[in-house]
Amino acid sequence: MSLRCHTAPAPGPRAGMGVFERYLSLWVFFCIVLGVVLGRLMPAVFQAIGRLEVAQVNLPVGALIWVMIVPMLLKVDFGALGQVRQHWRGMGVTLFINWAVKPFSMAFLGWLFVRQVFAPWLPASELDSYVAGLILLAAAPCTAMVFVWSRLTGGDPVFTLSQVALNDLIMVFAFAPIVGLLLGLSSITVPWDTLLVSVGLYIVVPVILAQLWRRSLLRRGQAAFEAALARIGPFSMAALLSTLVLLFAFQGAAIIRQPLVIAMLAMPILVQVFFNAGLAYWLNRRAGERHSVACPSALIGASNFFELAVAAAISLFGFRSGAALATVVGVLVEVPAMLLVVHLVNRSKRWYEAGAGRK
């Protein structure tokens, strides 16, 4: 399939970012305020929404999450898996960071920050739930935003697309076992039936539907495909923001009681972002990969498929859980943290190429 939609160079530091993506942190902050206010003013309305469940799946949120996730997965071209061997060293670094380092390091950081450093200031009843949310966030590699980050660094578009496709394929099979293992090691009860249902609802089925839809759109031509992506993109972001309003309507009382909880949950996420990005960047340099490969490899290891993490947290632990709040904090800090990573890898290009023996 054509890769033309991902090959445009980045003409400036903010190229490829729409209004929603560029100011995502501000939108999330606005949703926090709006959700808390609406939850206090109309508690009966949100309680009624919370009761609209079938088999522990909240129907309004399930619909919103599908609107979030399916457009993101439309960008994934599994035909790019044939390009995996082209940059096998960079791909090896990507897989090592995403599946052998990232989830396990986040489990450790969750234990360190939530259960040790900040434990005296956090509600004791929510500590396990916060750790669970952080684990869910780290177990879902980025799918859509990594294309934006890659363009901002002049990343190799074919490598970016192939690593996303490979990670998404692995995620279908590895997300549930890794989450279940780390929750078990963290002494958190694993609701396996709910976890498997979540994987089916929010990974397997959306992947299949998105690929069928993708093929249908591409049969009409590349221009029609790109136009469709442009049209449905705002719906995906609107669904994310609507979900956040619902979450904070339920979380409002807890946030008012503990206004610093968001800052405390942000700390392990920020440490994780810079640790994973730095490690992947350095490993690619040691392996002699090109800078245009090292950048997307580092960026996917630092960012998350937060739409999936939010969906899984709500399904497993509920709207009012600390797990749901922790995943939303990931959404809040992602854009500013990743823009800083983009800045650092762009500024260090000369240093990188000197050490990697590339010109």
Protein backbone atom coordinates (compact mmCIF):
# COMPACT_ATOMS: atom_id res chain seq x y z
CA MET A 1 0.00 0.00 0.00
CA SER A 2 1.12 3.55 -0.56
CA LEU A 3 3.02 5.27 2.25
CA ARG A 4 2.73 8.73 0.75
CA CYS A 5 0.56 10.06 3.56
CA HIS A 6 3.44 9.62 6.00
CA THR A 7 6.37 10.87 3.98
CA ALA A 8 5.99 14.64 4.14
CA PRO A 9 9.00 16.36 5.73
CA ALA A 10 8.63 18.54 8.77
CA PRO A 11 9.08 22.17 7.70
CA GLY A 12 8.97 23.60 11.19
CA PRO A 13 8.99 22.70 14.86
CA ARG A 14 5.23 22.29 15.05
CA ALA A 15 4.60 20.75 11.63
CA GLY A 16 1.93 18.08 11.50
CA MET A 17 0.21 19.10 14.72
CA GLY A 18 -3.38 20.24 14.60
CA VAL A 19 -4.95 22.64 17.07
CA PHE A 20 -6.25 19.83 19.28
CA GLU A 21 -2.94 17.96 19.40
CA ARG A 22 -0.83 21.07 19.95
CA TYR A 23 -2.92 22.25 22.90
CA LEU A 24 -3.99 18.85 24.19
CA SER A 25 -2.77 19.58 27.71
CA LEU A 26 -4.89 22.74 27.83
CA TRP A 27 -7.95 20.85 26.58
CA VAL A 28 -7.40 18.19 29.24
CA PHE A 29 -7.08 20.84 31.95
CA PHE A 30 -10.31 22.43 30.70
CA CYS A 31 -12.01 19.01 30.84
CA ILE A 32 -10.81 18.56 34.43
CA VAL A 33 -12.43 21.86 35.46
CA LEU A 34 -15.60 21.28 33.42
CA GLY A 35 -16.01 17.72 34.63
CA VAL A 36 -15.52 18.63 38.29
CA VAL A 37 -18.01 21.51 38.03
CA LEU A 38 -20.66 19.48 36.17
CA GLY A 39 -20.23 16.56 38.56
CA ARG A 40 -20.93 18.86 41.50
CA LEU A 41 -23.88 20.59 39.82
CA MET A 42 -25.57 17.54 38.27
CA PRO A 43 -24.59 14.45 40.27
CA ALA A 44 -27.82 12.59 39.44
CA VAL A 45 -27.18 12.86 35.69
CA PHE A 46 -23.71 11.34 35.93
CA GLN A 47 -24.86 8.65 38.33
CA ALA A 48 -27.47 7.65 35.74
CA ILE A 49 -24.76 7.52 33.04
CA GLY A 50 -22.63 5.38 35.32
CA ARG A 51 -25.44 2.84 35.67
CA LEU A 52 -25.73 2.27 31.89
CA GLU A 53 -23.65 -0.91 31.92
CA VAL A 54 -23.80 -4.31 30.24
CA ALA A 55 -21.34 -6.98 31.45
CA GLN A 56 -19.31 -4.30 33.29
CA VAL A 57 -18.97 -2.24 30.10
CA ASN A 58 -20.38 1.28 30.34
CA LEU A 59 -22.27 1.78 27.08
CA PRO A 60 -21.78 5.57 26.60
CA VAL A 61 -18.08 5.33 27.38
CA GLY A 62 -17.68 2.22 25.23
CA ALA A 63 -19.13 4.11 22.26
CA LEU A 64 -16.88 7.11 22.92
CA ILE A 65 -13.81 4.91 23.18
CA TRP A 66 -14.54 3.24 19.84
CA VAL A 67 -14.84 6.68 18.24
CA MET A 68 -11.45 7.49 19.82
CA ILE A 69 -9.58 4.34 18.90
CA VAL A 70 -10.79 3.31 15.45
CA PRO A 71 -9.63 6.51 13.66
CA MET A 72 -6.20 6.12 15.31
CA LEU A 73 -5.91 2.55 14.03
CA LEU A 74 -6.88 3.62 10.51
CA LYS A 75 -3.37 5.08 10.20
CA VAL A 76 -1.73 1.71 10.83
CA ASP A 77 -0.68 -0.15 7.68
CA PHE A 78 0.12 -3.78 8.49
CA GLY A 79 1.53 -4.05 4.98
CA ALA A 80 4.52 -2.12 6.37
CA LEU A 81 5.55 -5.24 8.33
CA GLY A 82 7.45 -6.28 5.21
CA GLN A 83 9.83 -3.37 5.87
CA VAL A 84 10.76 -4.53 9.39
CA ARG A 85 14.07 -6.10 8.30
CA GLN A 86 15.26 -2.93 6.63
CA HIS A 87 16.27 -1.39 9.98
CA TRP A 88 16.46 -4.47 12.16
CA ARG A 89 18.70 -2.86 14.77
CA GLY A 90 16.36 0.07 15.34
CA MET A 91 13.40 -2.30 15.37
CA GLY A 92 15.16 -4.46 17.94
CA VAL A 93 15.68 -1.42 20.17
CA THR A 94 12.01 -0.45 19.78
CA LEU A 95 10.77 -3.91 20.77
CA PHE A 96 13.22 -4.18 23.67
CA ILE A 97 12.14 -0.81 25.13
CA ASN A 98 8.40 -1.26 24.58
CA TRP A 99 8.03 -4.84 25.76
CA ALA A 100 11.02 -5.69 27.99
CA VAL A 101 11.69 -2.34 29.68
CA LYS A 102 8.73 0.03 29.62
CA PRO A 103 5.97 -1.93 31.43
CA PHE A 104 8.36 -3.34 34.04
CA SER A 105 10.11 -0.04 34.72
CA MET A 106 6.72 1.63 35.18
CA ALA A 107 5.67 -1.05 37.65
CA PHE A 108 8.84 -0.23 39.61
CA LEU A 109 8.31 3.55 39.34
CA GLY A 110 4.70 3.13 40.44
CA TRP A 111 5.84 1.19 43.50
CA LEU A 112 8.57 3.76 44.22
CA PHE A 113 6.55 6.95 43.86
CA VAL A 114 3.03 5.83 44.77
CA ARG A 115 3.70 3.30 47.50
CA GLN A 116 6.85 4.86 48.95
CA VAL A 117 7.64 8.50 48.20
CA PHE A 118 4.12 9.96 47.99
CA ALA A 119 2.23 7.33 50.02
CA PRO A 120 1.75 9.59 53.10
CA TRP A 121 -0.10 12.17 50.96
CA LEU A 122 -2.22 9.81 48.86
CA PRO A 123 -5.42 8.03 49.96
CA ALA A 124 -4.36 4.59 51.19
CA SER A 125 -7.39 2.91 49.62
CA GLU A 126 -6.34 4.05 46.12
CA LEU A 127 -2.64 3.19 46.11
CA ASP A 128 -3.09 -0.15 44.32
CA SER A 129 -5.44 1.45 41.81
CA TYR A 130 -2.98 4.23 40.98
CA VAL A 131 -0.22 1.67 40.36
CA ALA A 132 -2.57 -0.35 38.16
CA GLY A 133 -3.37 2.72 36.05
CA LEU A 134 0.31 3.46 35.54
CA ILE A 135 0.93 -0.14 34.45
CA LEU A 136 -1.96 0.01 31.96
CA LEU A 137 -0.53 3.23 30.55
CA ALA A 138 2.94 1.75 30.03
CA ALA A 139 1.68 -1.52 28.51
CA ALA A 140 0.11 0.25 25.52
CA PRO A 141 2.71 1.60 23.02
CA CYS A 142 1.77 4.73 21.07
CA THR A 143 -0.15 4.22 17.83
CA ALA A 144 -1.15 7.59 16.38
CA MET A 145 0.74 10.48 17.96
CA VAL A 146 4.10 8.85 17.18
CA PHE A 147 3.54 9.81 13.53
CA VAL A 148 3.37 13.45 14.63
CA TRP A 149 6.47 13.18 16.82
CA SER A 150 8.36 11.40 14.04
CA ARG A 151 7.57 14.13 11.50
CA LEU A 152 8.77 16.80 13.94
CA THR A 153 12.18 15.11 14.08
CA GLY A 154 12.51 14.25 10.39
CA GLY A 155 12.04 10.57 11.25
CA ASP A 156 12.12 7.86 8.60
CA PRO A 157 8.42 7.46 7.64
CA VAL A 158 8.76 3.82 6.54
CA PHE A 159 10.47 2.83 9.78
CA THR A 160 7.89 4.75 11.81
CA LEU A 161 5.01 3.03 10.07
CA SER A 162 6.56 -0.44 10.30
CA GLN A 163 7.38 -0.14 14.02
CA VAL A 164 3.82 1.01 14.77
CA ALA A 165 2.38 -1.90 12.78
CA LEU A 166 4.63 -4.42 14.54
CA ASN A 167 3.91 -3.01 17.99
CA ASP A 168 0.17 -3.07 17.37
CA LEU A 169 0.34 -6.67 16.19
CA ILE A 170 2.27 -7.65 19.33
CA MET A 171 -0.14 -5.66 21.50
CA VAL A 172 -3.07 -7.82 20.36
CA PHE A 173 -1.41 -10.85 21.97
CA ALA A 174 0.85 -9.37 24.68
CA PHE A 175 -1.21 -6.62 26.33
CA ALA A 176 -3.35 -8.90 28.52
CA PRO A 177 -0.52 -11.25 29.66
CA ILE A 178 1.84 -8.37 30.54
CA VAL A 179 -0.84 -6.40 32.38
CA GLY A 180 -1.97 -9.52 34.21
CA LEU A 181 1.60 -10.44 35.17
CA LEU A 182 2.52 -6.98 36.46
CA LEU A 183 -0.74 -6.50 38.34
CA GLY A 184 -0.17 -9.89 39.96
CA LEU A 185 3.42 -9.03 40.88
CA SER A 186 2.12 -5.77 42.35
CA SER A 187 -0.32 -7.77 44.53
CA ILE A 188 -3.31 -6.34 42.67
CA THR A 189 -6.23 -8.66 41.95
CA VAL A 190 -6.46 -9.39 38.25
CA PRO A 191 -10.04 -9.61 36.91
CA TRP A 192 -9.01 -11.83 34.00
CA ASP A 193 -12.44 -12.11 32.43
CA THR A 194 -12.82 -8.32 32.33
CA LEU A 195 -9.25 -7.91 31.10
CA LEU A 196 -9.80 -10.31 28.19
CA VAL A 197 -13.11 -8.67 27.31
CA SER A 198 -11.35 -5.29 27.29
CA VAL A 199 -8.66 -6.61 24.95
CA GLY A 200 -11.33 -7.95 22.61
CA LEU A 201 -13.46 -4.80 22.71
CA TYR A 202 -10.73 -2.18 22.58
CA ILE A 203 -7.90 -3.87 20.65
CA VAL A 204 -8.93 -6.87 18.57
CA VAL A 205 -12.30 -5.70 17.22
CA PRO A 206 -11.18 -2.09 16.55
CA VAL A 207 -8.05 -3.33 14.75
CA ILE A 208 -10.14 -5.56 12.47
CA LEU A 209 -12.75 -2.87 11.78
CA ALA A 210 -10.11 -0.20 11.17
CA GLN A 211 -8.23 -2.39 8.68
CA LEU A 212 -11.42 -3.23 6.79
CA TRP A 213 -12.37 0.45 6.70
CA ARG A 214 -8.82 1.38 5.65
CA ARG A 215 -8.91 -1.01 2.69
CA SER A 216 -12.30 0.30 1.63
CA LEU A 217 -11.07 3.91 1.71
CA LEU A 218 -7.82 3.15 -0.10
CA ARG A 219 -9.74 1.50 -2.93
CA ARG A 220 -11.07 5.00 -3.67
CA GLY A 221 -7.53 6.38 -3.93
CA GLN A 222 -4.93 7.94 -1.66
CA ALA A 223 -6.54 11.39 -1.81
CA ALA A 224 -9.88 10.00 -0.62
CA PHE A 225 -8.13 8.16 2.20
CA GLU A 226 -6.32 11.29 3.39
CA ALA A 227 -9.51 13.34 3.15
CA ALA A 228 -11.36 10.76 5.26
CA LEU A 229 -8.61 10.86 7.91
CA ALA A 230 -8.88 14.65 8.03
CA ARG A 231 -12.67 14.50 8.43
CA ILE A 232 -12.81 11.90 11.19
CA GLY A 233 -9.80 13.10 13.17
CA PRO A 234 -11.72 15.79 15.12
CA PHE A 235 -14.38 13.22 16.10
CA SER A 236 -11.69 11.08 17.71
CA MET A 237 -10.35 13.97 19.77
CA ALA A 238 -13.87 15.14 20.69
CA ALA A 239 -14.66 11.63 21.95
CA LEU A 240 -11.48 11.65 24.06
CA LEU A 241 -12.34 15.00 25.62
CA SER A 242 -15.96 13.92 26.27
CA THR A 243 -14.69 10.80 28.03
CA LEU A 244 -12.41 12.95 30.18
CA VAL A 245 -15.33 15.19 31.18
CA LEU A 246 -17.25 12.09 32.31
CA LEU A 247 -14.24 10.78 34.22
CA PHE A 248 -13.65 14.00 36.09
CA ALA A 249 -17.34 14.38 36.84
CA PHE A 250 -16.95 11.15 38.85
CA GLN A 251 -13.47 12.03 40.16
CA GLY A 252 -14.33 15.59 41.20
CA ALA A 253 -14.78 14.98 44.91
CA ALA A 254 -11.49 13.07 45.17
CA ILE A 255 -9.60 15.80 43.31
CA ILE A 256 -11.02 18.54 45.50
CA ARG A 257 -9.93 16.56 48.58
CA GLN A 258 -6.48 15.84 47.11
CA PRO A 259 -5.65 18.64 44.63
CA LEU A 260 -1.98 17.59 44.38
CA VAL A 261 -2.76 14.00 43.42
CA ILE A 262 -2.41 14.83 39.71
CA ALA A 263 1.09 16.29 40.22
CA MET A 264 2.15 13.27 42.28
CA LEU A 265 0.91 10.82 39.62
CA ALA A 266 2.65 12.85 36.91
CA MET A 267 6.09 12.27 38.45
CA PRO A 268 6.53 8.56 37.59
CA ILE A 269 5.08 9.19 34.13
CA LEU A 270 7.58 11.97 33.41
CA VAL A 271 10.50 9.91 34.70
CA GLN A 272 9.35 7.06 32.47
CA VAL A 273 9.12 9.30 29.39
CA PHE A 274 12.67 10.63 29.65
CA PHE A 275 14.20 7.34 30.82
CA ASN A 276 12.75 5.31 27.95
CA ALA A 277 13.44 7.97 25.32
CA GLY A 278 17.01 8.42 26.50
CA LEU A 279 17.72 4.69 26.69
CA ALA A 280 16.30 3.99 23.22
CA TYR A 281 18.14 6.95 21.72
CA TRP A 282 21.46 5.84 23.25
CA LEU A 283 21.00 2.19 22.24
CA ASN A 284 20.31 3.18 18.63
CA ARG A 285 23.44 5.35 18.67
CA ARG A 286 25.48 2.43 20.00
CA ALA A 287 24.00 0.18 17.32
CA GLY A 288 24.97 2.62 14.57
CA GLU A 289 21.44 3.36 13.38
CA ARG A 290 20.67 6.57 11.48
CA HIS A 291 19.30 9.54 13.41
CA SER A 292 16.08 9.38 11.37
CA VAL A 293 15.52 5.86 12.75
CA ALA A 294 16.67 6.55 16.31
CA CYS A 295 14.19 9.41 16.74
CA PRO A 296 10.93 7.50 16.07
CA SER A 297 12.37 4.51 17.96
CA ALA A 298 12.96 6.70 21.02
CA LEU A 299 9.66 8.53 20.68
CA ILE A 300 7.43 5.46 20.52
CA GLY A 301 9.15 4.12 23.62
CA ALA A 302 8.40 7.33 25.50
CA SER A 303 4.75 7.82 24.50
CA ASN A 304 1.61 5.78 25.09
CA PHE A 305 -1.62 4.64 23.45
CA PHE A 306 -3.46 6.53 26.16
CA GLU A 307 -6.90 6.02 24.57
CA LEU A 308 -6.53 2.27 25.12
CA ALA A 309 -5.15 2.75 28.63
CA VAL A 310 -8.12 4.92 29.62
CA ALA A 311 -10.55 2.38 28.15
CA ALA A 312 -8.94 -0.56 29.96
CA ALA A 313 -8.75 1.31 33.27
CA ILE A 314 -12.45 2.19 33.15
CA SER A 315 -13.41 -1.38 32.23
CA LEU A 316 -11.23 -3.01 34.89
CA PHE A 317 -11.60 -0.60 37.78
CA GLY A 318 -14.44 1.82 37.01
CA PHE A 319 -14.97 5.56 36.51
CA ARG A 320 -14.23 6.50 40.10
CA SER A 321 -11.02 4.49 40.35
CA GLY A 322 -7.53 5.78 40.88
CA ALA A 323 -6.52 3.70 37.85
CA ALA A 324 -8.72 5.76 35.55
CA LEU A 325 -7.33 8.97 37.04
CA ALA A 326 -3.72 7.80 36.59
CA THR A 327 -4.24 7.07 32.88
CA VAL A 328 -5.81 10.49 32.37
CA VAL A 329 -2.80 12.14 33.98
CA GLY A 330 -0.80 10.42 31.24
CA VAL A 331 -2.91 12.26 28.67
CA LEU A 332 -2.32 15.54 30.50
CA VAL A 333 1.48 15.36 30.51
CA GLU A 334 2.06 13.60 27.18
CA VAL A 335 2.20 16.55 24.78
CA PRO A 336 4.51 18.91 26.72
CA ALA A 337 6.80 16.03 27.72
CA MET A 338 7.01 14.67 24.18
CA LEU A 339 7.62 18.11 22.67
CA LEU A 340 10.57 18.45 25.04
CA VAL A 341 11.89 15.05 23.90
CA VAL A 342 11.47 16.17 20.26
CA HIS A 343 13.46 19.32 21.04
CA LEU A 344 16.25 17.35 22.71
CA VAL A 345 16.71 14.81 19.91
CA ASN A 346 16.67 17.55 17.29
CA ARG A 347 19.28 19.61 19.16
CA SER A 348 21.51 16.59 19.72
CA LYS A 349 21.58 15.40 16.10
CA ARG A 350 25.23 16.40 15.55
CA TRP A 351 26.32 14.63 18.76
CA TYR A 352 24.30 11.56 17.78
CA GLU A 353 25.74 11.27 14.27
CA ALA A 354 29.30 11.75 15.51
CA GLY A 355 28.94 8.80 17.85
CA ALA A 356 27.02 6.62 15.42
CA GLY A 357 29.53 7.19 12.63
CA ARG A 358 26.85 8.67 10.35
CA LYS A 359 26.89 11.82 8.27
